[in-house]
Amino acid sequence: MPTTAFGRAMLESVNNQPQRFCMTMQDGPTIQMSCRDFLTTRTEENHLLDDIELPTDGSVLDYGCGVGRHLARIRQSRQSVHCYGIEFCDLLRTHCKKSIAAPATFFEATDDLVQKRKFDLIMLMGNGLGVLGCEQDAVTKLTKLVGLLAPKGRIIIETGNPFGHGYCAPCFTIEYGSHTDGPFAWGYADRAWITRTLEQLDCSVRIIPSKAPGGMFFFAVAQRNG
């Protein structure tokens, strides 16, 4: 079970003082990232999640859940909803299992999910589209995720493309202390790309501005038509 530099930075920030990690783009700049931005939900995220209607016994999946901040927000007002999280880092999965009240289940990969499980809400928050990787992988994985939605279920994806038009996936490494993640491809998409891709998967899409650092991000909120 993998432990990541990102996961170590997050857990040390939860348990002590907020830390920083370095994110370096291949043949590009190195940016100092504050862990504080990954520990709590922003105001517009809270409003977005609070406005989503969910069945009393519904199911929510957070793909790349990190410390579980978005599931924690869901749990505040939906005590009976079953929360599921996909998280690559074993340290973060362990943290979520302890911090997110039951019913909640966490896995390393989507292949671990019960195949017949359908979700009323799937989230890829915090620039979460990036975790899907290159364009071909992103389309394949989005197709699978939309297929996991219940009828009229929703998927919320935060993304944006500061590098141009369409979809791009530059390679990055993350460094924290003596630990390094990557290099890995992190995907970015503009409004036209994500809207077209989700509509081709038979979803209705609306775009909502995001106040994530950088100023060019947005939420794509898609509802499955079938």
Protein backbone atom coordinates (compact mmCIF):
# COMPACT_ATOMS: atom_id res chain seq x y z
CA MET A 1 0.00 0.00 0.00
CA PRO A 2 1.63 3.27 -1.12
CA THR A 3 2.50 6.21 1.07
CA THR A 4 2.94 9.50 -0.76
CA ALA A 5 4.86 12.71 -0.15
CA PHE A 6 1.56 14.55 -0.57
CA GLY A 7 -0.07 12.31 2.05
CA ARG A 8 2.73 12.87 4.55
CA ALA A 9 2.48 16.64 4.10
CA MET A 10 -1.29 16.55 4.64
CA LEU A 11 -1.16 14.39 7.76
CA GLU A 12 1.61 16.44 9.36
CA SER A 13 -0.47 19.54 8.66
CA VAL A 14 -3.55 17.96 10.26
CA ASN A 15 -1.64 16.85 13.34
CA ASN A 16 0.70 19.82 13.77
CA GLN A 17 1.25 23.14 11.99
CA PRO A 18 0.24 23.58 8.32
CA GLN A 19 3.10 22.57 6.04
CA ARG A 20 4.13 23.35 2.47
CA PHE A 21 5.17 21.04 -0.33
CA CYS A 22 6.88 21.71 -3.67
CA MET A 23 5.12 20.94 -6.96
CA THR A 24 7.42 21.05 -9.98
CA MET A 25 6.25 20.93 -13.60
CA GLN A 26 8.55 19.11 -16.00
CA ASP A 27 10.58 21.75 -17.89
CA GLY A 28 8.68 24.37 -15.90
CA PRO A 29 8.52 26.20 -12.58
CA THR A 30 8.48 24.93 -9.02
CA ILE A 31 5.60 26.21 -6.90
CA GLN A 32 5.38 26.22 -3.11
CA MET A 33 1.95 24.83 -2.23
CA SER A 34 0.26 25.42 1.13
CA CYS A 35 -1.32 22.32 2.68
CA ARG A 36 -3.89 24.63 4.26
CA ASP A 37 -5.66 24.81 0.87
CA PHE A 38 -6.27 21.04 0.96
CA LEU A 39 -7.54 20.69 4.54
CA THR A 40 -10.84 22.58 4.57
CA THR A 41 -13.58 23.33 2.07
CA ARG A 42 -14.07 26.79 0.61
CA THR A 43 -17.30 28.77 0.97
CA GLU A 44 -18.47 28.18 -2.62
CA GLU A 45 -17.75 24.45 -2.25
CA ASN A 46 -19.92 24.37 0.88
CA HIS A 47 -22.79 26.09 -0.90
CA LEU A 48 -22.49 23.75 -3.87
CA LEU A 49 -22.48 20.58 -1.77
CA ASP A 50 -25.21 21.79 0.58
CA ASP A 51 -27.52 22.46 -2.38
CA ILE A 52 -27.18 18.94 -3.83
CA GLU A 53 -30.28 16.87 -3.10
CA LEU A 54 -29.50 13.33 -1.94
CA PRO A 55 -31.76 10.44 -0.91
CA THR A 56 -31.80 9.67 2.81
CA ASP A 57 -30.06 6.36 2.15
CA GLY A 58 -28.02 7.66 -0.81
CA SER A 59 -24.40 6.95 -1.71
CA VAL A 60 -21.63 9.48 -2.37
CA LEU A 61 -18.22 8.74 -3.89
CA ASP A 62 -15.26 11.12 -3.56
CA TYR A 63 -12.61 10.15 -6.12
CA GLY A 64 -9.23 11.27 -4.77
CA CYS A 65 -10.67 12.16 -1.38
CA GLY A 66 -7.40 13.26 0.31
CA VAL A 67 -8.08 14.07 3.97
CA GLY A 68 -11.82 13.67 3.34
CA ARG A 69 -12.79 17.32 3.63
CA HIS A 70 -15.61 17.15 1.07
CA LEU A 71 -17.06 13.96 2.53
CA ALA A 72 -16.91 15.59 5.96
CA ARG A 73 -19.02 18.45 4.62
CA ILE A 74 -21.55 16.01 3.18
CA ARG A 75 -21.66 14.15 6.48
CA GLN A 76 -22.51 17.32 8.47
CA SER A 77 -26.07 17.46 7.14
CA ARG A 78 -26.56 13.92 5.78
CA GLN A 79 -25.98 11.54 8.64
CA SER A 80 -27.40 8.45 6.92
CA VAL A 81 -25.78 8.85 3.48
CA HIS A 82 -23.09 6.24 2.83
CA CYS A 83 -19.77 7.94 2.06
CA TYR A 84 -17.22 6.21 -0.16
CA GLY A 85 -13.72 7.44 -0.90
CA ILE A 86 -11.05 6.48 -3.40
CA GLU A 87 -7.57 7.44 -2.20
CA PHE A 88 -4.22 6.10 -3.40
CA CYS A 89 -2.29 6.99 -0.23
CA ASP A 90 -2.65 4.52 2.64
CA LEU A 91 -1.95 7.20 5.27
CA LEU A 92 -4.82 9.33 4.00
CA ARG A 93 -7.20 6.36 3.76
CA THR A 94 -6.44 5.47 7.37
CA HIS A 95 -7.06 9.08 8.41
CA CYS A 96 -10.41 9.16 6.58
CA LYS A 97 -11.52 5.88 8.16
CA LYS A 98 -10.94 7.43 11.58
CA SER A 99 -12.32 10.91 10.88
CA ILE A 100 -15.41 10.33 8.68
CA ALA A 101 -18.33 9.00 10.69
CA ALA A 102 -19.98 5.76 9.57
CA PRO A 103 -21.42 4.67 7.26
CA ALA A 104 -18.20 5.23 5.29
CA THR A 105 -15.91 2.99 3.24
CA PHE A 106 -12.55 3.76 1.64
CA PHE A 107 -10.66 2.04 -1.17
CA GLU A 108 -7.34 2.38 -2.99
CA ALA A 109 -8.86 2.16 -6.48
CA THR A 110 -12.23 2.09 -8.24
CA ASP A 111 -11.71 -1.58 -9.10
CA ASP A 112 -12.20 -2.32 -5.38
CA LEU A 113 -15.77 -0.98 -5.43
CA VAL A 114 -18.70 -3.37 -5.41
CA GLN A 115 -19.58 -3.57 -9.09
CA LYS A 116 -23.34 -3.23 -8.57
CA ARG A 117 -23.01 -0.12 -6.41
CA LYS A 118 -24.58 3.01 -7.89
CA PHE A 119 -23.91 6.53 -6.61
CA ASP A 120 -26.19 9.53 -6.29
CA LEU A 121 -23.19 11.86 -6.27
CA ILE A 122 -19.59 11.46 -7.45
CA MET A 123 -17.05 14.19 -6.67
CA LEU A 124 -13.70 15.10 -8.21
CA MET A 125 -13.04 18.24 -6.20
CA GLY A 126 -9.96 20.35 -5.57
CA ASN A 127 -8.92 20.39 -9.25
CA GLY A 128 -9.85 16.73 -9.05
CA LEU A 129 -9.98 16.02 -12.78
CA GLY A 130 -6.19 16.01 -12.70
CA VAL A 131 -5.98 12.66 -10.95
CA LEU A 132 -7.39 10.98 -14.08
CA GLY A 133 -4.14 11.65 -15.96
CA CYS A 134 -3.70 11.95 -19.73
CA GLU A 135 -6.60 12.73 -22.06
CA GLN A 136 -7.24 9.16 -23.18
CA ASP A 137 -7.23 7.90 -19.58
CA ALA A 138 -9.46 10.78 -18.49
CA VAL A 139 -12.11 9.93 -21.09
CA THR A 140 -11.96 6.22 -20.19
CA LYS A 141 -12.24 6.88 -16.45
CA LEU A 142 -14.97 9.51 -16.82
CA THR A 143 -16.96 7.00 -18.87
CA LYS A 144 -16.59 4.47 -16.06
CA LEU A 145 -17.50 6.99 -13.37
CA VAL A 146 -20.62 8.23 -15.17
CA GLY A 147 -21.58 4.56 -15.57
CA LEU A 148 -21.49 4.27 -11.77
CA LEU A 149 -24.13 7.01 -11.34
CA ALA A 150 -27.66 6.14 -10.35
CA PRO A 151 -30.44 7.45 -12.65
CA LYS A 152 -30.40 11.27 -12.36
CA GLY A 153 -27.23 11.02 -10.29
CA ARG A 154 -24.70 13.87 -10.44
CA ILE A 155 -20.97 14.19 -10.88
CA ILE A 156 -19.13 17.36 -9.82
CA ILE A 157 -15.73 18.00 -11.36
CA GLU A 158 -13.48 20.93 -10.51
CA THR A 159 -11.01 21.74 -13.29
CA GLY A 160 -9.70 24.49 -15.56
CA ASN A 161 -6.95 24.84 -18.15
CA PRO A 162 -4.41 27.58 -17.43
CA PHE A 163 -2.20 26.30 -20.27
CA GLY A 164 -4.49 26.86 -23.24
CA HIS A 165 -7.49 25.22 -24.89
CA GLY A 166 -8.97 21.73 -24.73
CA TYR A 167 -7.24 19.16 -22.51
CA CYS A 168 -3.62 18.99 -21.44
CA ALA A 169 -1.73 16.85 -18.93
CA PRO A 170 1.74 18.18 -18.04
CA CYS A 171 4.00 16.02 -15.86
CA PHE A 172 4.68 17.02 -12.26
CA THR A 173 6.64 15.85 -9.25
CA ILE A 174 5.76 16.59 -5.61
CA GLU A 175 8.46 16.88 -2.98
CA TYR A 176 8.02 17.01 0.76
CA GLY A 177 11.05 16.56 2.99
CA SER A 178 12.94 13.52 1.72
CA HIS A 179 9.89 12.13 -0.08
CA THR A 180 9.00 12.47 -3.77
CA ASP A 181 5.89 11.60 -5.80
CA GLY A 182 5.99 11.23 -9.55
CA PRO A 183 6.60 12.19 -12.20
CA PHE A 184 2.89 11.89 -12.98
CA ALA A 185 0.52 13.40 -15.55
CA TRP A 186 -2.05 15.82 -14.13
CA GLY A 187 -4.99 16.69 -16.34
CA TYR A 188 -6.51 20.11 -17.00
CA ALA A 189 -9.56 20.82 -19.17
CA ASP A 190 -11.35 23.93 -20.38
CA ARG A 191 -15.11 24.42 -20.29
CA ALA A 192 -15.69 23.31 -23.86
CA TRP A 193 -13.79 20.03 -23.41
CA ILE A 194 -15.43 18.94 -20.17
CA THR A 195 -18.91 19.99 -21.37
CA ARG A 196 -18.55 18.12 -24.66
CA THR A 197 -17.14 15.00 -23.00
CA LEU A 198 -19.88 14.79 -20.39
CA GLU A 199 -22.65 15.53 -22.89
CA GLN A 200 -21.34 12.67 -25.03
CA LEU A 201 -21.84 10.48 -21.94
CA ASP A 202 -25.53 11.52 -21.89
CA CYS A 203 -25.25 14.09 -19.12
CA SER A 204 -26.69 17.58 -18.78
CA VAL A 205 -23.94 20.01 -17.75
CA ARG A 206 -23.84 23.39 -16.04
CA ILE A 207 -20.70 25.39 -15.26
CA ILE A 208 -20.21 27.20 -11.95
CA PRO A 209 -17.21 29.50 -11.25
CA SER A 210 -14.64 28.37 -8.69
CA LYS A 211 -12.61 30.58 -6.38
CA ALA A 212 -9.71 28.13 -6.24
CA PRO A 213 -6.24 29.77 -6.21
CA GLY A 214 -5.20 30.78 -9.71
CA GLY A 215 -8.51 32.22 -10.83
CA MET A 216 -9.14 30.08 -13.92
CA PHE A 217 -10.94 27.09 -12.41
CA PHE A 218 -14.61 26.10 -12.41
CA PHE A 219 -17.01 23.34 -11.41
CA ALA A 220 -18.70 21.22 -14.04
CA VAL A 221 -21.90 19.86 -12.47
CA ALA A 222 -23.34 17.09 -14.64
CA GLN A 223 -26.54 15.10 -14.17
CA ARG A 224 -27.00 11.73 -15.82
CA ASN A 225 -30.00 11.85 -18.14
CA GLY A 226 -30.67 8.12 -18.22
